[in-house]
PDB file of N, CA and C in Angstrom:
ATOM      1  N   UNK A   1      17.756 -73.407 -12.641  1.00  0.00           N
ATOM      2  CA  UNK A   1      18.043 -72.813 -13.935  1.00  0.00           C
ATOM      3  C   UNK A   1      18.716 -71.466 -13.703  1.00  0.00           C
ATOM      4  N   UNK A   2      19.789 -71.222 -14.408  1.00  0.00           N
ATOM      5  CA  UNK A   2      20.462 -69.934 -14.349  1.00  0.00           C
ATOM      6  C   UNK A   2      19.868 -69.022 -15.409  1.00  0.00           C
ATOM      7  N   UNK A   3      19.608 -67.796 -15.024  1.00  0.00           N
ATOM      8  CA  UNK A   3      19.034 -66.829 -15.949  1.00  0.00           C
ATOM      9  C   UNK A   3      19.961 -65.626 -16.020  1.00  0.00           C
ATOM     10  N   UNK A   4      20.241 -65.187 -17.218  1.00  0.00           N
ATOM     11  CA  UNK A   4      21.052 -63.998 -17.444  1.00  0.00           C
ATOM     12  C   UNK A   4      20.184 -62.930 -18.086  1.00  0.00           C
ATOM     13  N   UNK A   5      20.056 -61.797 -17.421  1.00  0.00           N
ATOM     14  CA  UNK A   5      19.331 -60.653 -17.962  1.00  0.00           C
ATOM     15  C   UNK A   5      20.361 -59.739 -18.607  1.00  0.00           C
ATOM     16  N   UNK A   6      20.200 -59.495 -19.896  1.00  0.00           N
ATOM     17  CA  UNK A   6      21.116 -58.619 -20.625  1.00  0.00           C
ATOM     18  C   UNK A   6      20.312 -57.409 -21.076  1.00  0.00           C
ATOM     19  N   UNK A   7      20.573 -56.295 -20.422  1.00  0.00           N
ATOM     20  CA  UNK A   7      19.836 -55.060 -20.710  1.00  0.00           C
ATOM     21  C   UNK A   7      20.733 -53.882 -20.345  1.00  0.00           C
ATOM     22  N   UNK A   8      20.910 -52.940 -21.267  1.00  0.00           N
ATOM     23  CA  UNK A   8      21.823 -51.832 -21.001  1.00  0.00           C
ATOM     24  C   UNK A   8      21.191 -50.684 -20.218  1.00  0.00           C
ATOM     25  N   UNK A   9      19.896 -50.692 -20.082  1.00  0.00           N
ATOM     26  CA  UNK A   9      19.223 -49.697 -19.244  1.00  0.00           C
ATOM     27  C   UNK A   9      19.271 -50.198 -17.794  1.00  0.00           C
ATOM     28  N   UNK A  10      19.973 -49.471 -16.927  1.00  0.00           N
ATOM     29  CA  UNK A  10      20.196 -49.934 -15.555  1.00  0.00           C
ATOM     30  C   UNK A  10      18.903 -50.163 -14.785  1.00  0.00           C
ATOM     31  N   UNK A  11      17.959 -49.249 -14.917  1.00  0.00           N
ATOM     32  CA  UNK A  11      16.698 -49.381 -14.183  1.00  0.00           C
ATOM     33  C   UNK A  11      15.903 -50.589 -14.666  1.00  0.00           C
ATOM     34  N   UNK A  12      15.809 -50.762 -15.978  1.00  0.00           N
ATOM     35  CA  UNK A  12      15.081 -51.904 -16.529  1.00  0.00           C
ATOM     36  C   UNK A  12      15.772 -53.212 -16.160  1.00  0.00           C
ATOM     37  N   UNK A  13      17.097 -53.247 -16.228  1.00  0.00           N
ATOM     38  CA  UNK A  13      17.862 -54.431 -15.856  1.00  0.00           C
ATOM     39  C   UNK A  13      17.570 -54.813 -14.411  1.00  0.00           C
ATOM     40  N   UNK A  14      17.642 -53.839 -13.538  1.00  0.00           N
ATOM     41  CA  UNK A  14      17.383 -54.078 -12.118  1.00  0.00           C
ATOM     42  C   UNK A  14      15.953 -54.552 -11.875  1.00  0.00           C
ATOM     43  N   UNK A  15      15.006 -53.941 -12.567  1.00  0.00           N
ATOM     44  CA  UNK A  15      13.598 -54.314 -12.421  1.00  0.00           C
ATOM     45  C   UNK A  15      13.350 -55.744 -12.892  1.00  0.00           C
ATOM     46  N   UNK A  16      13.923 -56.110 -14.015  1.00  0.00           N
ATOM     47  CA  UNK A  16      13.764 -57.474 -14.523  1.00  0.00           C
ATOM     48  C   UNK A  16      14.350 -58.490 -13.556  1.00  0.00           C
ATOM     49  N   UNK A  17      15.541 -58.208 -13.028  1.00  0.00           N
ATOM     50  CA  UNK A  17      16.165 -59.119 -12.066  1.00  0.00           C
ATOM     51  C   UNK A  17      15.325 -59.239 -10.804  1.00  0.00           C
ATOM     52  N   UNK A  18      14.817 -58.131 -10.325  1.00  0.00           N
ATOM     53  CA  UNK A  18      13.974 -58.125  -9.134  1.00  0.00           C
ATOM     54  C   UNK A  18      12.714 -58.966  -9.355  1.00  0.00           C
ATOM     55  N   UNK A  19      12.047 -58.755 -10.484  1.00  0.00           N
ATOM     56  CA  UNK A  19      10.820 -59.500 -10.777  1.00  0.00           C
ATOM     57  C   UNK A  19      11.079 -60.998 -10.900  1.00  0.00           C
ATOM     58  N   UNK A  20      12.189 -61.372 -11.504  1.00  0.00           N
ATOM     59  CA  UNK A  20      12.533 -62.795 -11.602  1.00  0.00           C
ATOM     60  C   UNK A  20      12.805 -63.376 -10.223  1.00  0.00           C
ATOM     61  N   UNK A  21      13.470 -62.611  -9.383  1.00  0.00           N
ATOM     62  CA  UNK A  21      13.749 -63.054  -8.016  1.00  0.00           C
ATOM     63  C   UNK A  21      12.453 -63.248  -7.235  1.00  0.00           C
ATOM     64  N   UNK A  22      11.533 -62.296  -7.337  1.00  0.00           N
ATOM     65  CA  UNK A  22      10.238 -62.388  -6.664  1.00  0.00           C
ATOM     66  C   UNK A  22       9.434 -63.588  -7.187  1.00  0.00           C
ATOM     67  N   UNK A  23       9.619 -63.909  -8.459  1.00  0.00           N
ATOM     68  CA  UNK A  23       8.909 -65.038  -9.065  1.00  0.00           C
ATOM     69  C   UNK A  23       9.496 -66.386  -8.651  1.00  0.00           C
ATOM     70  N   UNK A  24      10.602 -66.352  -7.883  1.00  0.00           N
ATOM     71  CA  UNK A  24      11.149 -67.597  -7.377  1.00  0.00           C
ATOM     72  C   UNK A  24      12.429 -68.083  -8.022  1.00  0.00           C
ATOM     73  N   UNK A  25      12.952 -67.336  -8.966  1.00  0.00           N
ATOM     74  CA  UNK A  25      14.210 -67.720  -9.600  1.00  0.00           C
ATOM     75  C   UNK A  25      15.360 -67.215  -8.742  1.00  0.00           C
ATOM     76  N   UNK A  26      16.162 -68.163  -8.238  1.00  0.00           N
ATOM     77  CA  UNK A  26      17.226 -67.815  -7.306  1.00  0.00           C
ATOM     78  C   UNK A  26      18.544 -67.460  -7.979  1.00  0.00           C
ATOM     79  N   UNK A  27      18.802 -68.030  -9.133  1.00  0.00           N
ATOM     80  CA  UNK A  27      20.099 -67.854  -9.781  1.00  0.00           C
ATOM     81  C   UNK A  27      19.964 -66.914 -10.978  1.00  0.00           C
ATOM     82  N   UNK A  28      19.880 -65.615 -10.689  1.00  0.00           N
ATOM     83  CA  UNK A  28      19.701 -64.596 -11.727  1.00  0.00           C
ATOM     84  C   UNK A  28      20.935 -63.699 -11.739  1.00  0.00           C
ATOM     85  N   UNK A  29      21.577 -63.605 -12.893  1.00  0.00           N
ATOM     86  CA  UNK A  29      22.702 -62.690 -13.088  1.00  0.00           C
ATOM     87  C   UNK A  29      22.276 -61.620 -14.071  1.00  0.00           C
ATOM     88  N   UNK A  30      23.024 -60.521 -14.076  1.00  0.00           N
ATOM     89  CA  UNK A  30      22.691 -59.465 -15.025  1.00  0.00           C
ATOM     90  C   UNK A  30      23.948 -58.931 -15.688  1.00  0.00           C
ATOM     91  N   UNK A  31      23.764 -58.409 -16.885  1.00  0.00           N
ATOM     92  CA  UNK A  31      24.845 -57.783 -17.638  1.00  0.00           C
ATOM     93  C   UNK A  31      24.296 -56.529 -18.299  1.00  0.00           C
ATOM     94  N   UNK A  32      25.092 -55.487 -18.244  1.00  0.00           N
ATOM     95  CA  UNK A  32      24.703 -54.227 -18.883  1.00  0.00           C
ATOM     96  C   UNK A  32      25.288 -54.085 -20.283  1.00  0.00           C
ATOM     97  N   UNK A  33      26.268 -54.927 -20.607  1.00  0.00           N
ATOM     98  CA  UNK A  33      26.910 -54.853 -21.922  1.00  0.00           C
ATOM     99  C   UNK A  33      27.021 -56.240 -22.542  1.00  0.00           C
ATOM    100  N   UNK A  34      27.190 -56.252 -23.844  1.00  0.00           N
ATOM    101  CA  UNK A  34      27.377 -57.514 -24.558  1.00  0.00           C
ATOM    102  C   UNK A  34      28.659 -58.204 -24.097  1.00  0.00           C
ATOM    103  N   UNK A  35      29.710 -57.431 -23.856  1.00  0.00           N
ATOM    104  CA  UNK A  35      30.984 -58.003 -23.411  1.00  0.00           C
ATOM    105  C   UNK A  35      30.833 -58.709 -22.064  1.00  0.00           C
ATOM    106  N   UNK A  36      30.127 -58.082 -21.142  1.00  0.00           N
ATOM    107  CA  UNK A  36      29.892 -58.700 -19.842  1.00  0.00           C
ATOM    108  C   UNK A  36      29.055 -59.958 -19.989  1.00  0.00           C
ATOM    109  N   UNK A  37      28.047 -59.911 -20.840  1.00  0.00           N
ATOM    110  CA  UNK A  37      27.197 -61.085 -21.073  1.00  0.00           C
ATOM    111  C   UNK A  37      28.025 -62.242 -21.624  1.00  0.00           C
ATOM    112  N   UNK A  38      28.882 -61.974 -22.576  1.00  0.00           N
ATOM    113  CA  UNK A  38      29.699 -63.029 -23.165  1.00  0.00           C
ATOM    114  C   UNK A  38      30.683 -63.593 -22.140  1.00  0.00           C
ATOM    115  N   UNK A  39      31.197 -62.751 -21.258  1.00  0.00           N
ATOM    116  CA  UNK A  39      32.091 -63.221 -20.198  1.00  0.00           C
ATOM    117  C   UNK A  39      31.338 -64.159 -19.250  1.00  0.00           C
ATOM    118  N   UNK A  40      30.124 -63.784 -18.883  1.00  0.00           N
ATOM    119  CA  UNK A  40      29.325 -64.641 -18.005  1.00  0.00           C
ATOM    120  C   UNK A  40      28.969 -65.963 -18.673  1.00  0.00           C
ATOM    121  N   UNK A  41      28.705 -65.926 -19.992  1.00  0.00           N
ATOM    122  CA  UNK A  41      28.419 -67.165 -20.722  1.00  0.00           C
ATOM    123  C   UNK A  41      29.587 -68.137 -20.631  1.00  0.00           C
ATOM    124  N   UNK A  42      30.803 -67.619 -20.709  1.00  0.00           N
ATOM    125  CA  UNK A  42      31.970 -68.506 -20.672  1.00  0.00           C
ATOM    126  C   UNK A  42      32.271 -68.994 -19.261  1.00  0.00           C
ATOM    127  N   UNK A  43      31.892 -68.222 -18.241  1.00  0.00           N
ATOM    128  CA  UNK A  43      32.169 -68.602 -16.864  1.00  0.00           C
ATOM    129  C   UNK A  43      31.125 -69.565 -16.291  1.00  0.00           C
ATOM    130  N   UNK A  44      29.904 -69.488 -16.749  1.00  0.00           N
ATOM    131  CA  UNK A  44      28.815 -70.317 -16.223  1.00  0.00           C
ATOM    132  C   UNK A  44      28.519 -71.438 -17.197  1.00  0.00           C
ATOM    133  N   UNK A  45      27.895 -72.501 -16.697  1.00  0.00           N
ATOM    134  CA  UNK A  45      27.686 -73.678 -17.543  1.00  0.00           C
ATOM    135  C   UNK A  45      26.397 -73.643 -18.357  1.00  0.00           C
ATOM    136  N   UNK A  46      25.324 -72.993 -17.858  1.00  0.00           N
ATOM    137  CA  UNK A  46      24.055 -73.026 -18.592  1.00  0.00           C
ATOM    138  C   UNK A  46      23.228 -71.801 -18.247  1.00  0.00           C
ATOM    139  N   UNK A  47      22.586 -71.246 -19.246  1.00  0.00           N
ATOM    140  CA  UNK A  47      21.769 -70.055 -19.062  1.00  0.00           C
ATOM    141  C   UNK A  47      20.527 -70.106 -19.936  1.00  0.00           C
ATOM    142  N   UNK A  48      19.527 -69.414 -19.483  1.00  0.00           N
ATOM    143  CA  UNK A  48      18.454 -68.964 -20.348  1.00  0.00           C
ATOM    144  C   UNK A  48      18.679 -67.464 -20.430  1.00  0.00           C
ATOM    145  N   UNK A  49      18.937 -66.953 -21.616  1.00  0.00           N
ATOM    146  CA  UNK A  49      19.253 -65.533 -21.763  1.00  0.00           C
ATOM    147  C   UNK A  49      18.261 -64.878 -22.699  1.00  0.00           C
ATOM    148  N   UNK A  50      17.853 -63.679 -22.349  1.00  0.00           N
ATOM    149  CA  UNK A  50      16.961 -62.901 -23.192  1.00  0.00           C
ATOM    150  C   UNK A  50      17.544 -61.500 -23.333  1.00  0.00           C
ATOM    151  N   UNK A  51      17.841 -61.133 -24.545  1.00  0.00           N
ATOM    152  CA  UNK A  51      18.295 -59.773 -24.820  1.00  0.00           C
ATOM    153  C   UNK A  51      17.362 -59.198 -25.871  1.00  0.00           C
ATOM    154  N   UNK A  52      16.602 -58.204 -25.496  1.00  0.00           N
ATOM    155  CA  UNK A  52      15.619 -57.656 -26.422  1.00  0.00           C
ATOM    156  C   UNK A  52      16.055 -56.315 -27.007  1.00  0.00           C
ATOM    157  N   UNK A  53      17.196 -55.835 -26.587  1.00  0.00           N
ATOM    158  CA  UNK A  53      17.686 -54.541 -27.043  1.00  0.00           C
ATOM    159  C   UNK A  53      18.416 -54.718 -28.373  1.00  0.00           C
ATOM    160  N   UNK A  54      17.953 -54.066 -29.407  1.00  0.00           N
ATOM    161  CA  UNK A  54      18.559 -54.233 -30.725  1.00  0.00           C
ATOM    162  C   UNK A  54      19.999 -53.737 -30.768  1.00  0.00           C
ATOM    163  N   UNK A  55      20.344 -52.787 -29.913  1.00  0.00           N
ATOM    164  CA  UNK A  55      21.712 -52.286 -29.886  1.00  0.00           C
ATOM    165  C   UNK A  55      22.702 -53.351 -29.425  1.00  0.00           C
ATOM    166  N   UNK A  56      22.234 -54.290 -28.612  1.00  0.00           N
ATOM    167  CA  UNK A  56      23.100 -55.356 -28.127  1.00  0.00           C
ATOM    168  C   UNK A  56      23.307 -56.451 -29.177  1.00  0.00           C
ATOM    169  N   UNK A  57      22.430 -56.532 -30.152  1.00  0.00           N
ATOM    170  CA  UNK A  57      22.502 -57.488 -31.258  1.00  0.00           C
ATOM    171  C   UNK A  57      22.691 -58.916 -30.774  1.00  0.00           C
ATOM    172  N   UNK A  58      21.867 -59.323 -29.811  1.00  0.00           N
ATOM    173  CA  UNK A  58      21.883 -60.681 -29.326  1.00  0.00           C
ATOM    174  C   UNK A  58      20.503 -61.273 -29.494  1.00  0.00           C
ATOM    175  N   UNK A  59      20.415 -62.587 -29.334  1.00  0.00           N
ATOM    176  CA  UNK A  59      19.143 -63.264 -29.475  1.00  0.00           C
ATOM    177  C   UNK A  59      18.902 -64.145 -28.257  1.00  0.00           C
ATOM    178  N   UNK A  60      17.662 -64.588 -28.100  1.00  0.00           N
ATOM    179  CA  UNK A  60      17.345 -65.521 -27.036  1.00  0.00           C
ATOM    180  C   UNK A  60      18.076 -66.828 -27.298  1.00  0.00           C
ATOM    181  N   UNK A  61      18.648 -67.388 -26.234  1.00  0.00           N
ATOM    182  CA  UNK A  61      19.382 -68.648 -26.407  1.00  0.00           C
ATOM    183  C   UNK A  61      19.274 -69.473 -25.138  1.00  0.00           C
ATOM    184  N   UNK A  62      19.164 -70.775 -25.328  1.00  0.00           N
ATOM    185  CA  UNK A  62      19.287 -71.705 -24.213  1.00  0.00           C
ATOM    186  C   UNK A  62      20.572 -72.470 -24.457  1.00  0.00           C
ATOM    187  N   UNK A  63      21.486 -72.357 -23.519  1.00  0.00           N
ATOM    188  CA  UNK A  63      22.797 -72.965 -23.696  1.00  0.00           C
ATOM    189  C   UNK A  63      23.031 -73.968 -22.591  1.00  0.00           C
TER     190      UNK A  63
END
């Protein structure tokens, strides 16, 4: 499963990616901006994405 972490706080983004990696998820990407997240969505075939930052105005999606 591919996981995309979308978080604009660099430290939190890095921490989330690290924790997912330690938990055994090998295919973890990250985006600091909505534009980067949307670019990754178009380049990759499937993601579980969680964006909890209201400034990013995104929602959880399985694609």
